Amino acid sequence: EECAYMHAYCFYENSSDFNLDQTST
């Protein structure tokens, strides 16, 4: 479960500022 959460959280960490590309968001 922890790793499944961290999988999703990595995309959160990789999310760019709002004025940039939002694919990871």
PDB file of all heavy atoms in Angstrom:
ATOM      1  N   GLU A   1       0.833  -1.206   0.000  1.00  0.00           N
ATOM      2  CA  GLU A   1       0.000   0.000   0.000  1.00  0.00           C
ATOM      3  C   GLU A   1       0.871   1.260   0.000  1.00  0.00           C
ATOM      4  O   GLU A   1       0.607   2.213  -0.736  1.00  0.00           O
ATOM      5  CB  GLU A   1      -0.924   0.027   1.215  1.00  0.00           C
ATOM      6  CG  GLU A   1      -1.808   1.266   1.269  1.00  0.00           C
ATOM      7  CD  GLU A   1      -2.608   1.390   2.544  1.00  0.00           C
ATOM      8  OE1 GLU A   1      -3.096   0.362   3.052  1.00  0.00           O
ATOM      9  OE2 GLU A   1      -2.746   2.530   3.036  1.00  0.00           O
ATOM     10  N   GLU A   2       1.899   1.254   0.816  1.00  0.00           N
ATOM     11  CA  GLU A   2       2.801   2.404   0.892  1.00  0.00           C
ATOM     12  C   GLU A   2       3.421   2.696  -0.470  1.00  0.00           C
ATOM     13  O   GLU A   2       3.497   3.857  -0.900  1.00  0.00           O
ATOM     14  CB  GLU A   2       3.904   2.125   1.909  1.00  0.00           C
ATOM     15  CG  GLU A   2       4.964   3.211   1.999  1.00  0.00           C
ATOM     16  CD  GLU A   2       6.143   2.818   2.882  1.00  0.00           C
ATOM     17  OE1 GLU A   2       6.026   1.823   3.628  1.00  0.00           O
ATOM     18  OE2 GLU A   2       7.177   3.497   2.807  1.00  0.00           O
ATOM     19  N   CYS A   3       3.858   1.655  -1.156  1.00  0.00           N
ATOM     20  CA  CYS A   3       4.497   1.847  -2.458  1.00  0.00           C
ATOM     21  C   CYS A   3       3.493   2.263  -3.525  1.00  0.00           C
ATOM     22  O   CYS A   3       3.827   3.039  -4.427  1.00  0.00           O
ATOM     23  CB  CYS A   3       5.240   0.571  -2.873  1.00  0.00           C
ATOM     24  SG  CYS A   3       6.763   0.299  -1.936  1.00  0.00           S
ATOM     25  N   ALA A   4       2.265   1.765  -3.414  1.00  0.00           N
ATOM     26  CA  ALA A   4       1.218   2.200  -4.355  1.00  0.00           C
ATOM     27  C   ALA A   4       0.950   3.695  -4.170  1.00  0.00           C
ATOM     28  O   ALA A   4       0.757   4.427  -5.145  1.00  0.00           O
ATOM     29  CB  ALA A   4      -0.061   1.399  -4.126  1.00  0.00           C
ATOM     30  N   TYR A   5       0.954   4.131  -2.928  1.00  0.00           N
ATOM     31  CA  TYR A   5       0.773   5.562  -2.643  1.00  0.00           C
ATOM     32  C   TYR A   5       1.960   6.365  -3.160  1.00  0.00           C
ATOM     33  O   TYR A   5       1.779   7.422  -3.788  1.00  0.00           O
ATOM     34  CB  TYR A   5       0.622   5.783  -1.139  1.00  0.00           C
ATOM     35  CG  TYR A   5       0.691   7.244  -0.739  1.00  0.00           C
ATOM     36  CD1 TYR A   5      -0.398   8.095  -0.936  1.00  0.00           C
ATOM     37  CD2 TYR A   5       1.865   7.782  -0.193  1.00  0.00           C
ATOM     38  CE1 TYR A   5      -0.333   9.436  -0.585  1.00  0.00           C
ATOM     39  CE2 TYR A   5       1.943   9.118   0.154  1.00  0.00           C
ATOM     40  CZ  TYR A   5       0.846   9.944  -0.039  1.00  0.00           C
ATOM     41  OH  TYR A   5       0.922  11.273   0.287  1.00  0.00           O
ATOM     42  N   MET A   6       3.164   5.885  -2.913  1.00  0.00           N
ATOM     43  CA  MET A   6       4.357   6.599  -3.342  1.00  0.00           C
ATOM     44  C   MET A   6       4.434   6.688  -4.870  1.00  0.00           C
ATOM     45  O   MET A   6       4.953   7.667  -5.420  1.00  0.00           O
ATOM     46  CB  MET A   6       5.615   5.923  -2.796  1.00  0.00           C
ATOM     47  CG  MET A   6       5.824   6.118  -1.308  1.00  0.00           C
ATOM     48  SD  MET A   6       5.910   7.873  -0.820  1.00  0.00           S
ATOM     49  CE  MET A   6       7.357   8.413  -1.756  1.00  0.00           C
ATOM     50  N   HIS A   7       3.912   5.668  -5.551  1.00  0.00           N
ATOM     51  CA  HIS A   7       3.839   5.714  -7.014  1.00  0.00           C
ATOM     52  C   HIS A   7       3.060   6.944  -7.457  1.00  0.00           C
ATOM     53  O   HIS A   7       3.514   7.715  -8.311  1.00  0.00           O
ATOM     54  CB  HIS A   7       3.163   4.444  -7.532  1.00  0.00           C
ATOM     55  CG  HIS A   7       2.709   4.526  -8.956  1.00  0.00           C
ATOM     56  ND1 HIS A   7       3.575   4.603 -10.016  1.00  0.00           N
ATOM     57  CD2 HIS A   7       1.456   4.582  -9.494  1.00  0.00           C
ATOM     58  CE1 HIS A   7       2.898   4.685 -11.145  1.00  0.00           C
ATOM     59  NE2 HIS A   7       1.613   4.682 -10.856  1.00  0.00           N
ATOM     60  N   ALA A   8       1.897   7.164  -6.849  1.00  0.00           N
ATOM     61  CA  ALA A   8       1.077   8.341  -7.172  1.00  0.00           C
ATOM     62  C   ALA A   8       1.754   9.626  -6.703  1.00  0.00           C
ATOM     63  O   ALA A   8       1.737  10.641  -7.399  1.00  0.00           O
ATOM     64  CB  ALA A   8      -0.307   8.205  -6.539  1.00  0.00           C
ATOM     65  N   TYR A   9       2.356   9.572  -5.526  1.00  0.00           N
ATOM     66  CA  TYR A   9       2.971  10.766  -4.947  1.00  0.00           C
ATOM     67  C   TYR A   9       4.146  11.263  -5.791  1.00  0.00           C
ATOM     68  O   TYR A   9       4.413  12.477  -5.832  1.00  0.00           O
ATOM     69  CB  TYR A   9       3.441  10.479  -3.523  1.00  0.00           C
ATOM     70  CG  TYR A   9       3.903  11.718  -2.791  1.00  0.00           C
ATOM     71  CD1 TYR A   9       2.979  12.641  -2.313  1.00  0.00           C
ATOM     72  CD2 TYR A   9       5.255  11.968  -2.585  1.00  0.00           C
ATOM     73  CE1 TYR A   9       3.391  13.786  -1.648  1.00  0.00           C
ATOM     74  CE2 TYR A   9       5.674  13.113  -1.927  1.00  0.00           C
ATOM     75  CZ  TYR A   9       4.742  14.010  -1.454  1.00  0.00           C
ATOM     76  OH  TYR A   9       5.149  15.150  -0.802  1.00  0.00           O
ATOM     77  N   CYS A  10       4.834  10.358  -6.457  1.00  0.00           N
ATOM     78  CA  CYS A  10       5.951  10.763  -7.325  1.00  0.00           C
ATOM     79  C   CYS A  10       5.474  11.686  -8.442  1.00  0.00           C
ATOM     80  O   CYS A  10       6.172  12.629  -8.821  1.00  0.00           O
ATOM     81  CB  CYS A  10       6.645   9.537  -7.915  1.00  0.00           C
ATOM     82  SG  CYS A  10       7.725   8.687  -6.755  1.00  0.00           S
ATOM     83  N   PHE A  11       4.291  11.419  -8.975  1.00  0.00           N
ATOM     84  CA  PHE A  11       3.740  12.298 -10.014  1.00  0.00           C
ATOM     85  C   PHE A  11       3.383  13.654  -9.419  1.00  0.00           C
ATOM     86  O   PHE A  11       3.515  14.688 -10.085  1.00  0.00           O
ATOM     87  CB  PHE A  11       2.522  11.655 -10.671  1.00  0.00           C
ATOM     88  CG  PHE A  11       2.869  10.476 -11.544  1.00  0.00           C
ATOM     89  CD1 PHE A  11       2.660   9.188 -11.100  1.00  0.00           C
ATOM     90  CD2 PHE A  11       3.428  10.669 -12.794  1.00  0.00           C
ATOM     91  CE1 PHE A  11       2.994   8.098 -11.890  1.00  0.00           C
ATOM     92  CE2 PHE A  11       3.771   9.590 -13.595  1.00  0.00           C
ATOM     93  CZ  PHE A  11       3.560   8.294 -13.143  1.00  0.00           C
ATOM     94  N   TYR A  12       2.936  13.656  -8.173  1.00  0.00           N
ATOM     95  CA  TYR A  12       2.666  14.919  -7.477  1.00  0.00           C
ATOM     96  C   TYR A  12       3.967  15.716  -7.347  1.00  0.00           C
ATOM     97  O   TYR A  12       3.996  16.925  -7.609  1.00  0.00           O
ATOM     98  CB  TYR A  12       2.077  14.639  -6.095  1.00  0.00           C
ATOM     99  CG  TYR A  12       1.995  15.865  -5.207  1.00  0.00           C
ATOM    100  CD1 TYR A  12       0.927  16.749  -5.307  1.00  0.00           C
ATOM    101  CD2 TYR A  12       3.003  16.135  -4.279  1.00  0.00           C
ATOM    102  CE1 TYR A  12       0.856  17.881  -4.506  1.00  0.00           C
ATOM    103  CE2 TYR A  12       2.948  17.266  -3.473  1.00  0.00           C
ATOM    104  CZ  TYR A  12       1.879  18.133  -3.589  1.00  0.00           C
ATOM    105  OH  TYR A  12       1.819  19.252  -2.796  1.00  0.00           O
ATOM    106  N   GLU A  13       5.031  15.043  -6.943  1.00  0.00           N
ATOM    107  CA  GLU A  13       6.327  15.708  -6.794  1.00  0.00           C
ATOM    108  C   GLU A  13       6.843  16.237  -8.133  1.00  0.00           C
ATOM    109  O   GLU A  13       7.533  17.251  -8.190  1.00  0.00           O
ATOM    110  CB  GLU A  13       7.351  14.731  -6.208  1.00  0.00           C
ATOM    111  CG  GLU A  13       7.141  14.384  -4.747  1.00  0.00           C
ATOM    112  CD  GLU A  13       7.730  15.415  -3.810  1.00  0.00           C
ATOM    113  OE1 GLU A  13       7.740  16.614  -4.157  1.00  0.00           O
ATOM    114  OE2 GLU A  13       8.187  15.029  -2.725  1.00  0.00           O
ATOM    115  N   ASN A  14       6.499  15.540  -9.197  1.00  0.00           N
ATOM    116  CA  ASN A  14       6.992  15.900 -10.529  1.00  0.00           C
ATOM    117  C   ASN A  14       6.127  16.958 -11.214  1.00  0.00           C
ATOM    118  O   ASN A  14       6.454  17.415 -12.309  1.00  0.00           O
ATOM    119  CB  ASN A  14       7.065  14.648 -11.410  1.00  0.00           C
ATOM    120  CG  ASN A  14       8.158  14.747 -12.455  1.00  0.00           C
ATOM    121  OD1 ASN A  14       9.230  15.302 -12.202  1.00  0.00           O
ATOM    122  ND2 ASN A  14       7.909  14.206 -13.632  1.00  0.00           N
ATOM    123  N   SER A  15       5.033  17.346 -10.563  1.00  0.00           N
ATOM    124  CA  SER A  15       4.127  18.340 -11.143  1.00  0.00           C
ATOM    125  C   SER A  15       4.796  19.705 -11.211  1.00  0.00           C
ATOM    126  O   SER A  15       5.390  20.170 -10.238  1.00  0.00           O
ATOM    127  CB  SER A  15       2.851  18.428 -10.291  1.00  0.00           C
ATOM    128  OG  SER A  15       2.014  19.453 -10.742  1.00  0.00           O
ATOM    129  N   SER A  16       4.685  20.340 -12.372  1.00  0.00           N
ATOM    130  CA  SER A  16       5.338  21.631 -12.597  1.00  0.00           C
ATOM    131  C   SER A  16       4.509  22.789 -12.062  1.00  0.00           C
ATOM    132  O   SER A  16       3.342  22.620 -11.697  1.00  0.00           O
ATOM    133  CB  SER A  16       5.563  21.849 -14.103  1.00  0.00           C
ATOM    134  OG  SER A  16       6.295  20.789 -14.666  1.00  0.00           O
ATOM    135  N   ASP A  17       5.113  23.978 -12.027  1.00  0.00           N
ATOM    136  CA  ASP A  17       4.375  25.194 -11.682  1.00  0.00           C
ATOM    137  C   ASP A  17       3.221  25.373 -12.658  1.00  0.00           C
ATOM    138  O   ASP A  17       3.287  24.925 -13.815  1.00  0.00           O
ATOM    139  CB  ASP A  17       5.289  26.417 -11.726  1.00  0.00           C
ATOM    140  CG  ASP A  17       6.328  26.407 -10.615  1.00  0.00           C
ATOM    141  OD1 ASP A  17       6.085  25.709  -9.614  1.00  0.00           O
ATOM    142  OD2 ASP A  17       7.368  27.064 -10.765  1.00  0.00           O
ATOM    143  N   PHE A  18       2.176  26.075 -12.227  1.00  0.00           N
ATOM    144  CA  PHE A  18       0.940  26.155 -13.012  1.00  0.00           C
ATOM    145  C   PHE A  18       1.145  26.758 -14.398  1.00  0.00           C
ATOM    146  O   PHE A  18       0.394  26.483 -15.322  1.00  0.00           O
ATOM    147  CB  PHE A  18      -0.132  26.949 -12.255  1.00  0.00           C
ATOM    148  CG  PHE A  18       0.056  28.444 -12.288  1.00  0.00           C
ATOM    149  CD1 PHE A  18      -0.504  29.199 -13.308  1.00  0.00           C
ATOM    150  CD2 PHE A  18       0.794  29.093 -11.308  1.00  0.00           C
ATOM    151  CE1 PHE A  18      -0.337  30.583 -13.350  1.00  0.00           C
ATOM    152  CE2 PHE A  18       0.957  30.464 -11.336  1.00  0.00           C
ATOM    153  CZ  PHE A  18       0.398  31.208 -12.367  1.00  0.00           C
ATOM    154  N   ASN A  19       2.179  27.593 -14.558  1.00  0.00           N
ATOM    155  CA  ASN A  19       2.401  28.247 -15.848  1.00  0.00           C
ATOM    156  C   ASN A  19       3.187  27.385 -16.819  1.00  0.00           C
ATOM    157  O   ASN A  19       3.466  27.804 -17.942  1.00  0.00           O
ATOM    158  CB  ASN A  19       3.108  29.593 -15.645  1.00  0.00           C
ATOM    159  CG  ASN A  19       4.416  29.457 -14.887  1.00  0.00           C
ATOM    160  OD1 ASN A  19       4.565  28.576 -14.048  1.00  0.00           O
ATOM    161  ND2 ASN A  19       5.363  30.324 -15.186  1.00  0.00           N
ATOM    162  N   LEU A  20       3.538  26.160 -16.408  1.00  0.00           N
ATOM    163  CA  LEU A  20       4.273  25.230 -17.280  1.00  0.00           C
ATOM    164  C   LEU A  20       3.362  24.071 -17.673  1.00  0.00           C
ATOM    165  O   LEU A  20       2.179  24.048 -17.361  1.00  0.00           O
ATOM    166  CB  LEU A  20       5.523  24.718 -16.556  1.00  0.00           C
ATOM    167  CG  LEU A  20       6.531  25.796 -16.120  1.00  0.00           C
ATOM    168  CD1 LEU A  20       7.651  25.171 -15.305  1.00  0.00           C
ATOM    169  CD2 LEU A  20       7.091  26.540 -17.331  1.00  0.00           C
ATOM    170  N   ASP A  21       3.932  23.107 -18.385  1.00  0.00           N
ATOM    171  CA  ASP A  21       3.163  21.943 -18.833  1.00  0.00           C
ATOM    172  C   ASP A  21       2.593  21.179 -17.632  1.00  0.00           C
ATOM    173  O   ASP A  21       3.292  20.955 -16.640  1.00  0.00           O
ATOM    174  CB  ASP A  21       4.066  21.018 -19.660  1.00  0.00           C
ATOM    175  CG  ASP A  21       3.321  19.800 -20.154  1.00  0.00           C
ATOM    176  OD1 ASP A  21       2.483  19.929 -21.053  1.00  0.00           O
ATOM    177  OD2 ASP A  21       3.578  18.694 -19.621  1.00  0.00           O
ATOM    178  N   GLN A  22       1.332  20.775 -17.737  1.00  0.00           N
ATOM    179  CA  GLN A  22       0.646  20.150 -16.606  1.00  0.00           C
ATOM    180  C   GLN A  22       0.363  18.659 -16.822  1.00  0.00           C
ATOM    181  O   GLN A  22      -0.528  18.090 -16.180  1.00  0.00           O
ATOM    182  CB  GLN A  22      -0.660  20.896 -16.340  1.00  0.00           C
ATOM    183  CG  GLN A  22      -0.468  22.316 -15.840  1.00  0.00           C
ATOM    184  CD  GLN A  22       0.335  22.374 -14.556  1.00  0.00           C
ATOM    185  OE1 GLN A  22      -0.054  21.802 -13.546  1.00  0.00           O
ATOM    186  NE2 GLN A  22       1.484  23.049 -14.601  1.00  0.00           N
ATOM    187  N   THR A  23       1.144  18.005 -17.671  1.00  0.00           N
ATOM    188  CA  THR A  23       0.944  16.574 -17.927  1.00  0.00           C
ATOM    189  C   THR A  23       1.081  15.758 -16.650  1.00  0.00           C
ATOM    190  O   THR A  23       0.248  14.884 -16.359  1.00  0.00           O
ATOM    191  CB  THR A  23       1.950  16.078 -18.979  1.00  0.00           C
ATOM    192  OG1 THR A  23       1.778  16.820 -20.194  1.00  0.00           O
ATOM    193  CG2 THR A  23       1.747  14.598 -19.262  1.00  0.00           C
ATOM    194  N   SER A  24       2.130  16.039 -15.870  1.00  0.00           N
ATOM    195  CA  SER A  24       2.341  15.294 -14.624  1.00  0.00           C
ATOM    196  C   SER A  24       1.267  15.613 -13.593  1.00  0.00           C
ATOM    197  O   SER A  24       0.902  14.767 -12.770  1.00  0.00           O
ATOM    198  CB  SER A  24       3.725  15.600 -14.046  1.00  0.00           C
ATOM    199  OG  SER A  24       4.736  14.975 -14.819  1.00  0.00           O
ATOM    200  N   THR A  25       0.747  16.819 -13.623  1.00  0.00           N
ATOM    201  CA  THR A  25      -0.326  17.205 -12.699  1.00  0.00           C
ATOM    202  C   THR A  25      -1.574  16.365 -12.958  1.00  0.00           C
ATOM    203  O   THR A  25      -2.185  15.826 -12.034  1.00  0.00           O
ATOM    204  CB  THR A  25      -0.669  18.693 -12.854  1.00  0.00           C
ATOM    205  OG1 THR A  25       0.510  19.472 -12.616  1.00  0.00           O
ATOM    206  CG2 THR A  25      -1.754  19.119 -11.892  1.00  0.00           C
TER     207      THR A  25
END
